[in-house]
Amino acid sequence: MSPQQLRPARPSTVPDAIWSSDAVPPDLFTPGGGTVEEFAATARLLHPASDTDGQPVTWAQVAARTGHGLHPHSTWDEVSGAVHTRRSTRSGWPGGAPELGELGEPGWDALLSHLTLWSGSGSGAACLLAVAEDLPWVRGGAHVGFYGDPHHTGPPQEPAFTAEVLTAAPRVQLLRTCLLLAGPLAAVRTLGRTWRYQDRHWFERHGPTALWPVERSWLVLTDLDADCTVVAGPRALIDAVRADDRLEARPQAAS
């Protein structure tokens, strides 16, 4: 397991989670949908798709291949040319779709470089994180699928958190039932699961369902059914995120 810097949040911080939940409109992850009204600007960060070799590609690259236009309110189905029927789905894109609920490690590293500048104590800024407890990587164990040697019988994945953390973390309703955790902003990089196979171990990072500093200067949200991550905050922060070539960002409505 990666050295874990997250701890159960204090019960007194639960109202903070209620604040963030109240700030989320029901259509937040819909292109052209709602915004987080408490902040000056909101943007959607599109999760990367993948090519036939499994390498990440942007939605703009997919649109160039399929011949479909990409505008601020485009959906993945529109960009990929997907046609859904009762029995199958046809797509003009031969690669993979964006991973739902995951911005990916490069995307999070890019986003964190901006969030650090807008947090009072930089990478050490005190933050709250919400993690949906029904995500399969949270608890680990033998029930988690392992795409490797079918004869490997040991549990392939260690739990993301200790039993003490899983027991003590308050539960809050933020998009869905979540563990409420606390730690410095930099601790986001320790969130994930450790896989093991024979004598090998490797760490796989994951992103939180929600993240915000205790000073409430910005808010980041995603959902396990969403192909984007939403970030809301001061307009200068959102402008910087949208200008970053490492991220594929689209403005969310007229905030």
Foldseek 3Di string as FASTA:
>chain_A
DFPFFKFADDPVCQVVLVVLQVQDDPCNQAQQDDDRVVFPFKKWFFAFWAAAVRHTDHLVVLQVQQVFDDDSRDDSCRSQVWDDDPPDIDTNGPTGDGQAQFNFDLSVVVLLVLVQVVAPNRQFFKKKFWAAPPDAQQQFFQVDDDPDDPPQRGGFKHHQDDPVRVVPFDWDQRVHTTGIIMGGNNSLQSGFIWTDDDHDIDTDHGGTQKMAGPVRQKIWHGDNRHSIIMIGHYPVSVVVSCPDPSTPMHTHHND
